[in-house]
Each structure stands twice: as C-alpha cells, then as structure tokens.
N, C-alpha and C. Protein backbone atom coordinates (compact mmCIF):
# COMPACT_ATOMS: atom_id res chain seq x y z
N MET A 1 -24.99 240.00 184.61
CA MET A 1 -24.08 240.90 184.04
C MET A 1 -23.02 241.52 184.38
N LEU A 2 -22.96 241.84 185.35
CA LEU A 2 -21.74 242.09 186.16
C LEU A 2 -20.60 241.10 185.72
N LYS A 3 -20.84 239.67 185.57
CA LYS A 3 -19.55 239.21 185.25
C LYS A 3 -19.09 239.28 183.73
N LYS A 4 -20.33 239.66 182.92
CA LYS A 4 -20.05 239.74 181.21
C LYS A 4 -19.38 241.29 181.67
N LEU A 5 -19.50 242.37 182.09
CA LEU A 5 -19.05 243.36 181.76
C LEU A 5 -17.21 243.43 182.48
N PHE A 6 -17.16 242.59 183.47
CA PHE A 6 -15.92 242.57 184.12
C PHE A 6 -14.72 241.46 182.98
N GLU A 7 -15.58 240.41 182.36
CA GLU A 7 -15.04 240.02 181.19
C GLU A 7 -14.27 240.87 180.06
N LEU A 8 -15.39 241.90 179.85
CA LEU A 8 -15.17 243.02 178.66
C LEU A 8 -14.05 243.99 179.39
N PHE A 9 -14.05 244.28 180.19
CA PHE A 9 -12.88 245.04 180.86
C PHE A 9 -11.65 244.44 180.99
N THR A 10 -11.71 243.55 181.48
CA THR A 10 -10.38 242.88 181.71
C THR A 10 -9.93 242.23 180.36
N ALA A 11 -10.84 241.96 179.73
CA ALA A 11 -10.36 241.52 178.07
C ALA A 11 -9.55 242.79 177.48
N PHE A 12 -10.17 243.82 177.58
CA PHE A 12 -9.67 244.74 176.89
C PHE A 12 -8.67 245.84 177.94
N PHE A 13 -8.66 245.47 178.73
CA PHE A 13 -7.11 245.52 179.89
C PHE A 13 -6.35 245.32 179.23
N LYS A 14 -6.26 243.74 179.04
CA LYS A 14 -5.03 243.17 178.28
C LYS A 14 -4.70 243.66 176.88
N VAL A 15 -5.78 243.89 176.11
CA VAL A 15 -5.32 244.54 175.04
C VAL A 15 -4.75 245.98 175.15
N GLY A 16 -5.29 246.80 176.07
CA GLY A 16 -4.70 248.01 175.88
C GLY A 16 -3.24 247.55 176.56
N ILE A 17 -2.96 246.79 177.40
CA ILE A 17 -1.62 246.83 177.70
C ILE A 17 -0.18 246.78 176.74
N CYS A 18 -1.03 246.14 175.28
CA CYS A 18 -0.41 245.89 174.34
C CYS A 18 -0.06 246.89 173.61
N THR A 19 -0.65 248.28 173.47
CA THR A 19 -1.01 249.20 172.68
C THR A 19 -0.28 249.93 171.72
N PHE A 20 1.60 249.13 171.94
CA PHE A 20 2.08 249.58 171.28
C PHE A 20 2.39 249.41 169.53
N GLY A 21 2.16 250.43 168.91
CA GLY A 21 2.43 250.43 167.15
C GLY A 21 0.87 251.20 166.99
N GLY A 22 -0.11 251.19 167.71
CA GLY A 22 -1.27 251.35 167.39
C GLY A 22 -2.39 250.62 166.63
N GLY A 23 -3.27 251.13 166.05
CA GLY A 23 -4.67 250.52 165.52
C GLY A 23 -4.22 248.91 165.08
N ILE A 24 -3.95 249.18 163.31
CA ILE A 24 -3.02 248.04 162.57
C ILE A 24 -2.29 247.19 163.39
N ALA A 25 -1.34 247.35 164.27
CA ALA A 25 -0.37 246.34 164.91
C ALA A 25 -0.83 245.80 165.85
N MET A 26 -2.73 246.38 166.29
CA MET A 26 -3.13 245.60 167.27
C MET A 26 -4.12 244.54 166.63
N LEU A 27 -4.22 244.48 165.50
CA LEU A 27 -5.18 243.55 164.87
C LEU A 27 -4.94 242.04 165.45
N PRO A 28 -3.55 241.63 165.10
CA PRO A 28 -3.06 240.27 165.41
C PRO A 28 -3.20 239.87 167.17
N ILE A 29 -3.41 241.03 167.70
CA ILE A 29 -3.73 240.59 169.27
C ILE A 29 -5.23 241.06 169.66
N LEU A 30 -5.87 241.68 169.17
CA LEU A 30 -7.51 241.67 168.96
C LEU A 30 -7.81 240.32 168.15
N GLU A 31 -7.32 240.10 167.26
CA GLU A 31 -7.97 238.45 166.86
C GLU A 31 -7.91 237.29 167.62
N ARG A 32 -6.74 237.67 168.18
CA ARG A 32 -6.25 236.36 169.32
C ARG A 32 -7.16 236.47 170.28
N GLU A 33 -7.14 237.59 170.89
CA GLU A 33 -7.86 237.68 172.24
C GLU A 33 -9.59 237.35 172.08
N LEU A 34 -9.98 238.33 171.13
CA LEU A 34 -11.29 238.51 170.76
C LEU A 34 -12.07 237.10 170.27
N GLY A 35 -11.61 236.81 169.18
CA GLY A 35 -11.79 235.85 168.17
C GLY A 35 -11.51 234.50 168.71
N ASP A 36 -10.20 234.19 168.66
CA ASP A 36 -9.70 232.91 169.06
C ASP A 36 -9.83 232.34 170.37
N LYS A 37 -9.53 233.29 171.34
CA LYS A 37 -9.79 232.98 172.69
C LYS A 37 -11.21 232.85 173.20
N ARG A 38 -11.64 233.97 173.04
CA ARG A 38 -13.52 234.46 173.50
C ARG A 38 -14.38 234.13 172.73
N GLY A 39 -14.37 234.13 171.17
CA GLY A 39 -15.14 233.88 170.50
C GLY A 39 -16.16 234.58 170.21
N TRP A 40 -15.67 235.80 170.82
CA TRP A 40 -16.52 236.97 170.71
C TRP A 40 -17.08 237.59 169.03
N VAL A 41 -16.14 237.37 168.36
CA VAL A 41 -16.18 238.24 167.15
C VAL A 41 -15.51 237.60 166.26
N THR A 42 -15.99 237.35 165.00
CA THR A 42 -14.82 236.50 163.59
C THR A 42 -14.35 237.32 163.14
N SER A 43 -13.45 236.98 162.50
CA SER A 43 -12.34 237.78 161.42
C SER A 43 -13.14 238.43 160.50
N ASP A 44 -14.03 238.33 160.03
CA ASP A 44 -15.00 239.47 158.85
C ASP A 44 -15.36 240.11 159.56
N GLU A 45 -16.00 240.10 161.20
CA GLU A 45 -16.25 241.37 161.82
C GLU A 45 -15.60 241.91 162.41
N LEU A 46 -14.27 241.64 162.67
CA LEU A 46 -13.11 242.46 163.50
C LEU A 46 -12.80 243.43 162.36
N LEU A 47 -12.72 242.67 161.08
CA LEU A 47 -12.13 243.38 159.91
C LEU A 47 -13.09 244.81 159.70
N ASP A 48 -14.27 244.44 159.89
CA ASP A 48 -15.42 245.60 159.47
C ASP A 48 -15.28 246.33 160.75
N TYR A 49 -15.19 245.99 161.86
CA TYR A 49 -14.75 247.05 162.69
C TYR A 49 -13.62 248.01 162.69
N PHE A 50 -12.39 247.29 161.99
CA PHE A 50 -11.52 247.85 161.80
C PHE A 50 -11.61 248.79 160.78
N ALA A 51 -12.25 248.62 159.99
CA ALA A 51 -12.43 249.47 158.46
C ALA A 51 -13.53 250.47 159.28
N ILE A 52 -14.58 250.68 159.89
CA ILE A 52 -14.84 251.52 160.22
C ILE A 52 -14.36 252.39 161.36
N GLY A 53 -13.38 251.77 162.45
CA GLY A 53 -12.51 252.43 163.27
C GLY A 53 -11.53 253.13 162.63
N GLN A 54 -10.96 252.83 161.56
CA GLN A 54 -10.08 253.47 160.39
C GLN A 54 -10.21 254.92 160.08
N SER A 55 -12.02 254.53 159.70
CA SER A 55 -12.67 255.63 158.93
C SER A 55 -13.45 256.62 159.79
N THR A 56 -13.48 256.72 161.10
CA THR A 56 -14.31 257.22 162.14
C THR A 56 -13.07 257.70 163.10
N PRO A 57 -13.61 259.10 163.53
CA PRO A 57 -12.20 259.96 164.31
C PRO A 57 -12.43 258.93 165.75
N GLY A 58 -10.96 258.83 166.33
CA GLY A 58 -10.59 258.16 167.51
C GLY A 58 -9.48 257.06 167.33
N ILE A 59 -9.21 256.81 168.03
CA ILE A 59 -8.24 255.57 168.35
C ILE A 59 -8.99 254.29 167.97
N ILE A 60 -8.26 253.70 166.61
CA ILE A 60 -8.48 252.07 166.06
C ILE A 60 -9.00 251.41 167.26
N ALA A 61 -8.17 251.22 168.17
CA ALA A 61 -8.45 250.48 169.32
C ALA A 61 -9.76 250.85 170.47
N VAL A 62 -9.85 252.08 170.37
CA VAL A 62 -10.74 252.26 171.52
C VAL A 62 -12.19 252.35 170.38
N ASN A 63 -12.20 252.51 169.41
CA ASN A 63 -13.47 252.39 168.44
C ASN A 63 -13.79 250.34 168.62
N VAL A 64 -12.90 249.88 168.09
CA VAL A 64 -13.31 248.32 168.13
C VAL A 64 -13.57 248.00 169.49
N ALA A 65 -13.25 248.67 170.29
CA ALA A 65 -13.60 248.14 171.94
C ALA A 65 -14.90 248.86 172.20
N THR A 66 -15.11 249.55 171.53
CA THR A 66 -16.44 250.17 171.68
C THR A 66 -17.66 249.66 171.11
N PHE A 67 -16.95 248.80 169.72
CA PHE A 67 -18.08 248.49 168.76
C PHE A 67 -18.17 246.81 169.51
N VAL A 68 -17.54 246.29 170.12
CA VAL A 68 -17.32 244.91 170.78
C VAL A 68 -18.16 244.67 171.97
N GLY A 69 -17.63 245.94 172.82
CA GLY A 69 -18.40 246.11 174.08
C GLY A 69 -19.88 246.14 173.69
N TYR A 70 -20.23 246.95 172.94
CA TYR A 70 -21.79 247.51 172.49
C TYR A 70 -22.46 246.28 171.82
N LYS A 71 -21.81 245.13 171.43
CA LYS A 71 -22.35 244.24 170.76
C LYS A 71 -22.76 242.83 171.76
N ARG A 72 -21.70 243.02 172.74
CA ARG A 72 -21.58 241.91 173.80
C ARG A 72 -22.80 242.71 174.77
N ALA A 73 -22.90 243.82 175.14
CA ALA A 73 -23.67 244.36 176.58
C ALA A 73 -24.16 245.35 176.11
N GLY A 74 -24.13 246.23 175.00
CA GLY A 74 -25.01 247.41 174.93
C GLY A 74 -24.24 248.52 175.35
N THR A 75 -24.71 249.89 175.46
CA THR A 75 -24.04 250.64 175.60
C THR A 75 -23.47 250.45 176.67
N ILE A 76 -23.52 250.24 178.36
CA ILE A 76 -22.86 250.04 179.12
C ILE A 76 -21.70 248.97 178.88
N GLY A 77 -22.01 248.30 177.89
CA GLY A 77 -20.83 247.10 177.57
C GLY A 77 -19.81 247.84 176.53
N GLY A 78 -20.09 249.08 175.84
CA GLY A 78 -19.44 249.67 175.17
C GLY A 78 -18.36 250.69 175.82
N ILE A 79 -19.13 251.21 176.70
CA ILE A 79 -17.96 252.06 177.95
C ILE A 79 -17.38 251.04 178.85
N ILE A 80 -17.65 250.71 179.30
CA ILE A 80 -16.73 249.47 180.13
C ILE A 80 -15.51 248.72 178.98
N ALA A 81 -16.09 248.67 177.82
CA ALA A 81 -14.75 247.80 176.97
C ALA A 81 -13.55 249.29 176.37
N THR A 82 -14.36 250.33 176.36
CA THR A 82 -13.41 251.23 175.85
C THR A 82 -12.54 251.79 177.24
N PHE A 83 -13.22 251.84 178.35
CA PHE A 83 -12.73 252.31 179.41
C PHE A 83 -11.42 251.20 179.89
N GLY A 84 -11.97 249.74 179.74
CA GLY A 84 -10.70 249.06 179.61
C GLY A 84 -9.66 249.15 179.03
N VAL A 85 -9.89 249.39 177.53
CA VAL A 85 -8.66 249.49 176.84
C VAL A 85 -8.33 250.81 176.61
N VAL A 86 -8.61 251.72 177.36
CA VAL A 86 -7.83 252.97 177.47
C VAL A 86 -7.05 253.25 179.09
N CYS A 87 -7.31 252.46 180.05
CA CYS A 87 -7.34 252.27 181.58
C CYS A 87 -5.35 251.72 181.40
N PRO A 88 -4.98 250.98 180.86
CA PRO A 88 -3.39 251.07 181.31
C PRO A 88 -2.53 251.99 180.82
N SER A 89 -3.00 252.56 179.36
CA SER A 89 -2.36 254.25 178.73
C SER A 89 -2.48 254.99 180.12
N VAL A 90 -3.38 255.38 180.29
CA VAL A 90 -3.84 256.43 181.28
C VAL A 90 -2.62 255.88 182.48
N ILE A 91 -2.85 254.87 183.03
CA ILE A 91 -2.18 254.28 184.15
C ILE A 91 -0.40 254.68 184.01
N ILE A 92 0.14 254.33 182.70
CA ILE A 92 1.78 254.10 182.52
C ILE A 92 1.84 255.67 182.24
N ILE A 93 1.24 256.46 181.47
CA ILE A 93 1.24 257.88 181.43
C ILE A 93 1.68 258.26 182.76
N THR A 94 0.30 258.31 183.41
CA THR A 94 0.67 259.20 185.01
C THR A 94 1.69 258.73 185.67
N ILE A 95 2.09 257.57 185.53
CA ILE A 95 3.26 257.34 186.23
C ILE A 95 4.41 257.65 185.85
N ILE A 96 4.65 257.74 184.62
CA ILE A 96 5.78 258.29 183.80
C ILE A 96 5.90 259.80 184.33
N ALA A 97 4.49 260.55 184.07
CA ALA A 97 4.53 261.88 184.47
C ALA A 97 5.09 262.21 185.78
N LEU A 98 4.35 261.33 186.93
CA LEU A 98 4.64 261.80 187.98
C LEU A 98 6.16 261.33 188.64
N PHE A 99 6.86 260.54 188.16
CA PHE A 99 7.96 260.42 188.70
C PHE A 99 9.18 260.01 187.49
N ILE A 100 9.09 260.09 186.54
CA ILE A 100 10.12 260.40 185.79
C ILE A 100 10.20 261.65 185.09
N SER A 101 11.08 262.66 185.53
CA SER A 101 11.49 263.63 184.26
C SER A 101 12.28 263.44 183.49
N ASN A 102 12.48 263.79 182.19
CA ASN A 102 13.10 263.52 181.10
C ASN A 102 13.01 262.02 180.79
N PHE A 103 12.19 261.45 180.93
CA PHE A 103 11.92 260.07 180.57
C PHE A 103 12.40 259.67 179.29
N ALA A 104 12.43 260.42 178.49
CA ALA A 104 13.01 259.99 176.95
C ALA A 104 14.56 260.06 176.99
N ASP A 105 14.89 260.68 177.91
CA ASP A 105 16.49 260.61 177.64
C ASP A 105 17.23 259.85 178.51
N ILE A 106 16.62 258.80 179.22
CA ILE A 106 17.15 257.92 180.13
C ILE A 106 17.63 256.68 178.94
N PRO A 107 18.98 256.58 178.89
CA PRO A 107 19.67 255.49 177.73
C PRO A 107 18.90 253.90 177.70
N TRP A 108 18.54 253.45 179.01
CA TRP A 108 17.97 252.28 178.63
C TRP A 108 16.36 252.55 178.14
N VAL A 109 15.48 253.54 178.35
CA VAL A 109 14.38 254.02 177.88
C VAL A 109 14.20 254.00 176.13
N GLN A 110 15.75 254.83 175.79
CA GLN A 110 15.62 255.14 174.37
C GLN A 110 16.04 253.53 173.84
N LYS A 111 16.75 252.63 174.24
CA LYS A 111 16.99 251.77 173.64
C LYS A 111 15.79 250.40 173.77
N ALA A 112 15.17 250.51 174.79
CA ALA A 112 13.55 249.71 175.03
C ALA A 112 12.86 250.35 174.10
N LEU A 113 12.72 251.84 173.64
CA LEU A 113 11.92 251.80 172.54
C LEU A 113 12.43 251.48 171.07
N LYS A 114 13.54 251.43 171.07
CA LYS A 114 14.25 251.06 169.81
C LYS A 114 13.77 249.61 169.02
N GLY A 115 13.78 249.12 170.52
CA GLY A 115 13.39 247.25 170.48
C GLY A 115 12.14 247.17 170.40
N ILE A 116 11.19 247.83 170.99
CA ILE A 116 9.78 248.18 170.56
C ILE A 116 9.47 248.51 169.01
N ASN A 117 9.99 249.59 168.59
CA ASN A 117 9.78 249.88 167.25
C ASN A 117 10.06 248.89 166.09
N VAL A 118 10.78 248.34 166.38
CA VAL A 118 11.22 247.01 165.77
C VAL A 118 10.17 245.60 165.88
N SER A 119 9.97 245.72 166.99
CA SER A 119 8.60 244.60 167.08
C SER A 119 7.38 245.02 166.46
N VAL A 120 7.05 246.69 166.70
CA VAL A 120 5.89 247.14 166.10
C VAL A 120 6.11 246.88 164.65
N ALA A 121 7.14 247.29 163.74
CA ALA A 121 7.05 246.86 162.45
C ALA A 121 6.97 245.55 162.01
N ALA A 122 7.34 244.62 162.95
CA ALA A 122 6.90 243.39 162.27
C ALA A 122 5.56 243.05 162.41
N LEU A 123 5.05 243.93 163.71
CA LEU A 123 3.47 243.49 164.02
C LEU A 123 2.63 243.98 162.66
N LEU A 124 3.13 245.15 162.41
CA LEU A 124 2.45 245.86 161.34
C LEU A 124 2.40 245.01 159.84
N THR A 125 3.57 244.87 159.46
CA THR A 125 4.01 243.78 158.62
C THR A 125 2.87 242.21 158.50
N TYR A 126 2.78 242.20 159.58
CA TYR A 126 2.14 240.42 160.00
C TYR A 126 0.34 241.06 159.72
N ALA A 127 0.29 242.06 160.39
CA ALA A 127 -1.01 242.54 160.12
C ALA A 127 -1.73 243.25 159.04
N VAL A 128 -0.72 243.93 158.29
CA VAL A 128 -1.10 244.10 156.83
C VAL A 128 -1.86 243.15 156.24
N PHE A 129 -0.52 242.35 156.07
CA PHE A 129 -0.53 241.18 155.26
C PHE A 129 -1.79 240.07 155.74
N ASN A 130 -2.14 239.97 156.95
CA ASN A 130 -3.32 239.17 157.12
C ASN A 130 -4.57 239.97 156.66
N PHE A 131 -4.38 241.16 156.76
CA PHE A 131 -5.71 242.26 156.74
C PHE A 131 -6.26 242.18 154.84
N ALA A 132 -5.04 242.32 154.16
CA ALA A 132 -4.81 242.12 152.58
C ALA A 132 -5.49 240.58 152.30
N LYS A 133 -4.73 240.20 153.07
CA LYS A 133 -5.29 238.28 152.19
C LYS A 133 -6.79 238.05 152.70
N LYS A 134 -7.39 238.38 154.21
CA LYS A 134 -8.54 238.65 154.10
C LYS A 134 -9.68 239.17 153.52
N SER A 135 -9.49 240.45 153.53
CA SER A 135 -10.25 241.48 152.74
C SER A 135 -10.20 241.42 151.18
N VAL A 136 -8.93 241.45 150.41
CA VAL A 136 -9.01 241.26 148.95
C VAL A 136 -9.57 239.59 148.57
N LYS A 137 -10.61 239.60 147.96
CA LYS A 137 -11.58 238.48 147.71
C LYS A 137 -11.37 238.30 146.18
N SER A 138 -11.07 239.83 145.28
CA SER A 138 -11.75 239.47 143.59
C SER A 138 -10.88 240.03 143.37
N ILE A 139 -10.84 239.97 141.94
CA ILE A 139 -9.87 240.53 140.92
C ILE A 139 -10.48 242.17 141.14
N LEU A 140 -11.64 242.54 141.47
CA LEU A 140 -11.79 243.92 141.53
C LEU A 140 -11.43 244.32 142.77
N GLY A 141 -11.58 243.62 144.04
CA GLY A 141 -10.72 244.08 145.70
C GLY A 141 -9.39 244.14 145.11
N PHE A 142 -8.59 243.34 144.27
CA PHE A 142 -7.20 243.28 144.22
C PHE A 142 -6.53 244.51 143.32
N ALA A 143 -7.93 245.25 142.33
CA ALA A 143 -7.57 246.16 141.66
C ALA A 143 -7.83 247.53 142.37
N LEU A 144 -8.61 247.48 143.31
CA LEU A 144 -8.68 248.86 144.34
C LEU A 144 -7.79 248.75 145.56
N PHE A 145 -7.36 247.56 145.73
CA PHE A 145 -5.99 247.73 146.51
C PHE A 145 -4.99 248.30 146.10
N VAL A 146 -4.57 247.72 144.57
CA VAL A 146 -3.92 248.40 143.67
C VAL A 146 -3.52 249.94 143.77
N ILE A 147 -4.76 250.15 143.26
CA ILE A 147 -5.03 251.62 142.74
C ILE A 147 -5.38 252.34 144.21
N SER A 148 -5.44 251.73 145.12
CA SER A 148 -5.53 252.71 146.42
C SER A 148 -3.92 252.67 147.15
N PHE A 149 -3.15 251.76 147.07
CA PHE A 149 -1.42 251.96 147.13
C PHE A 149 -0.90 253.24 146.53
N LEU A 150 -1.32 252.81 145.01
CA LEU A 150 -0.57 253.19 144.22
C LEU A 150 -1.01 255.28 144.49
N LEU A 151 -2.14 255.28 144.86
CA LEU A 151 -2.54 256.50 145.04
C LEU A 151 -2.19 257.36 146.02
N ILE A 152 -1.75 256.69 147.18
CA ILE A 152 -1.57 257.20 148.41
C ILE A 152 0.45 256.93 148.54
N PHE A 153 0.72 256.05 148.20
CA PHE A 153 2.02 256.00 148.21
C PHE A 153 3.16 256.73 147.01
N VAL A 154 2.29 256.79 145.45
CA VAL A 154 3.29 257.48 144.72
C VAL A 154 2.70 258.81 144.37
N TRP A 155 1.38 259.32 144.36
CA TRP A 155 1.18 260.55 144.19
C TRP A 155 0.63 261.27 145.39
N ASN A 156 0.55 260.91 146.43
CA ASN A 156 0.20 261.02 148.00
C ASN A 156 -0.82 262.02 148.12
N VAL A 157 -1.87 260.99 147.63
CA VAL A 157 -3.50 261.36 147.85
C VAL A 157 -3.58 261.05 149.28
N SER A 158 -4.76 261.99 149.84
CA SER A 158 -4.78 261.95 151.15
C SER A 158 -5.76 260.72 151.46
N THR A 159 -5.64 259.85 152.50
CA THR A 159 -6.40 258.59 152.56
C THR A 159 -7.59 258.82 153.04
N ILE A 160 -8.14 260.07 153.38
CA ILE A 160 -9.38 260.52 153.42
C ILE A 160 -10.17 260.57 152.28
N TRP A 161 -9.53 260.75 150.93
CA TRP A 161 -10.22 260.67 149.86
C TRP A 161 -10.26 259.21 149.16
N ILE A 162 -9.28 258.71 149.32
CA ILE A 162 -9.05 257.16 149.44
C ILE A 162 -10.39 256.36 149.65
N ILE A 163 -10.68 256.45 150.82
CA ILE A 163 -11.83 255.91 152.06
C ILE A 163 -12.91 256.54 151.42
N VAL A 164 -13.41 257.60 151.11
CA VAL A 164 -14.22 258.07 150.59
C VAL A 164 -15.00 257.57 149.34
N GLY A 165 -13.62 257.54 148.03
CA GLY A 165 -13.87 257.23 146.92
C GLY A 165 -13.87 255.40 146.93
N SER A 166 -13.48 254.45 148.03
CA SER A 166 -13.77 253.03 148.33
C SER A 166 -15.19 253.30 148.43
N CYS A 167 -15.16 253.73 149.49
CA CYS A 167 -16.98 253.66 149.94
C CYS A 167 -17.87 253.76 149.11
N ALA A 168 -17.65 255.07 148.34
CA ALA A 168 -18.75 255.45 147.26
C ALA A 168 -18.71 254.06 146.12
N ILE A 169 -17.43 253.39 145.58
CA ILE A 169 -17.21 252.53 144.82
C ILE A 169 -18.19 251.35 145.11
N GLY A 170 -17.89 251.16 146.51
CA GLY A 170 -18.51 249.96 147.46
C GLY A 170 -20.23 249.80 147.39
N VAL A 171 -20.43 250.96 147.54
CA VAL A 171 -22.07 251.34 147.26
C VAL A 171 -22.37 251.18 146.36
N LEU A 172 -21.74 251.52 145.21
CA LEU A 172 -22.49 251.47 144.01
C LEU A 172 -22.08 250.35 143.34
N LEU A 173 -21.22 249.32 143.52
CA LEU A 173 -21.29 248.29 143.33
C LEU A 173 -22.20 247.59 144.01
N ALA A 174 -22.91 247.42 145.12
CA ALA A 174 -23.38 246.86 146.04
C ALA A 174 -24.86 247.26 145.50
N GLY A 175 -25.15 248.32 144.74
CA GLY A 175 -26.60 248.75 144.16
C GLY A 175 -26.85 248.00 142.90
N ALA A 176 -25.68 248.24 141.94
CA ALA A 176 -25.65 247.68 140.83
C ALA A 176 -25.88 246.30 141.16
N ARG A 177 -25.91 245.51 142.16
CA ARG A 177 -25.70 243.86 142.18
C ARG A 177 -27.18 243.77 142.73
N GLY A 178 -27.85 244.84 143.38
CA GLY A 178 -28.84 244.77 144.15
C GLY A 178 -28.93 244.14 145.65
N GLN A 179 -27.60 244.64 146.18
CA GLN A 179 -27.67 244.41 147.65
C GLN A 179 -27.85 245.39 148.53
N LEU A 180 -28.18 246.30 148.39
CA LEU A 180 -28.85 247.64 149.19
C LEU A 180 -30.09 247.43 149.62
N SER A 181 -30.93 246.66 149.31
CA SER A 181 -32.49 246.70 149.79
C SER A 181 -32.33 245.78 151.10
N ASN A 182 -33.51 246.12 151.98
CA ASN A 182 -33.39 245.75 153.13
C ASN A 182 -34.07 244.10 153.21
N GLU A 183 -34.09 243.84 152.28
CA GLU A 183 -34.88 242.20 152.07
C GLU A 183 -33.70 241.09 151.98
N LYS A 184 -33.86 240.09 152.90
CA LYS A 184 -33.00 238.93 152.85
C LYS A 184 -33.48 238.21 151.42
N SER A 185 -32.12 237.74 151.09
CA SER A 185 -32.30 236.62 150.05
C SER A 185 -33.76 235.65 150.38
N GLY A 186 -34.42 235.41 149.09
CA GLY A 186 -35.84 234.58 149.65
C GLY A 186 -36.90 235.57 150.18
N GLY A 187 -36.59 236.72 150.00
CA GLY A 187 -37.95 237.58 150.24
C GLY A 187 -38.24 238.05 151.53
N GLU A 188 -37.59 237.44 152.56
CA GLU A 188 -38.05 237.48 153.66
C GLU A 188 -37.50 239.18 154.18
N LYS A 189 -38.30 239.66 155.45
CA LYS A 189 -38.04 240.58 155.84
C LYS A 189 -37.31 240.66 157.16
C-alpha cells in the first residue's frame, strides 16, 4: 500500500510541477502521465473527471488528482494524490515569497512569463481540440457544442448556465433512451 501511495504522490507531484496554464492546459500532461505512461485511467475516464472537475468548486487538477487517487487507493489515495499535485505550487510560491521581493518586476521573470504564456496558449489549443474530438461523437453532441460556444462567446451567457443546461439535456436524453436505470443490459443487477 505504501508503494502505491508513493507512486500516487510522485506522479501527481510531477504533474503539479507543470501546472502553468491551469486545468485544460494540463489535460495532455495528465493524459500522458496517468493514461499513456501508467495506465491508471482511460481517455474517457479522464474526460469524465475533467468534466466533473470543471463543474465542481476547486481547481481542476486538484479535483482530478482526488478522483484518480481515490480510484487507486481509496480516501487516503485521494488525499495523497491531492497533496502531491499542490505540493510543488506551495513550495514555489513559498520560495518566491521568502526570497524575492517585487518578483514580477524582474525583467527576466517578465520575459519568462511571456514565453510561458505562449506555450500555455499552444497547450490550451491542443487540449481543447483533443477534448472536443473525443467528446463530440454525434450530430447532437456537435449541435450542443456549437450552441454552447455561441451562447458563451456571442451572447456572454455564464458558463454555469451552460453546464447546468448541458447536464439537464444529458439526463433528459439518457432518460428518453432508457439509460438511467441501475440495471445493466441483459437484465443483470
């Protein structure tokens, strides 16, 4: 059990080091580290965790770490994975706060942040494209994607309403298709 917890901590510590750009920008990093390299989650599971993490309070990376940690090792796994992902940020912010005054005014820091911003934009574009490619699997899904995009970017509708509306549409469609029962196909419980 200790080995599993140590693996959770180190995997999410690595992910936490690369948190520039936040949630969606981290999707490729999480997919590579947790899915491709370790086989802990599938792409579909990771997309589900991202969707839930985006819809709930907190930082997406922390929420995903908690979900994956819980899946791997229960409550203690969730706690250890969460600690692993936040630990690098706490260390970096503490060092900056302790040793460097006016950190943002240092010319090389400003230039580094400009470079990071460009990289984050590329990561976000890649992540959004892949997320859409994996999530939009039908004409109805594409229509929901386009409508959501227009509501957010053209009419400035709050994303909360988009999430609530999308959840309601998903539940209604699942109910209409008979997919809300607890029984598996074939009649088994």
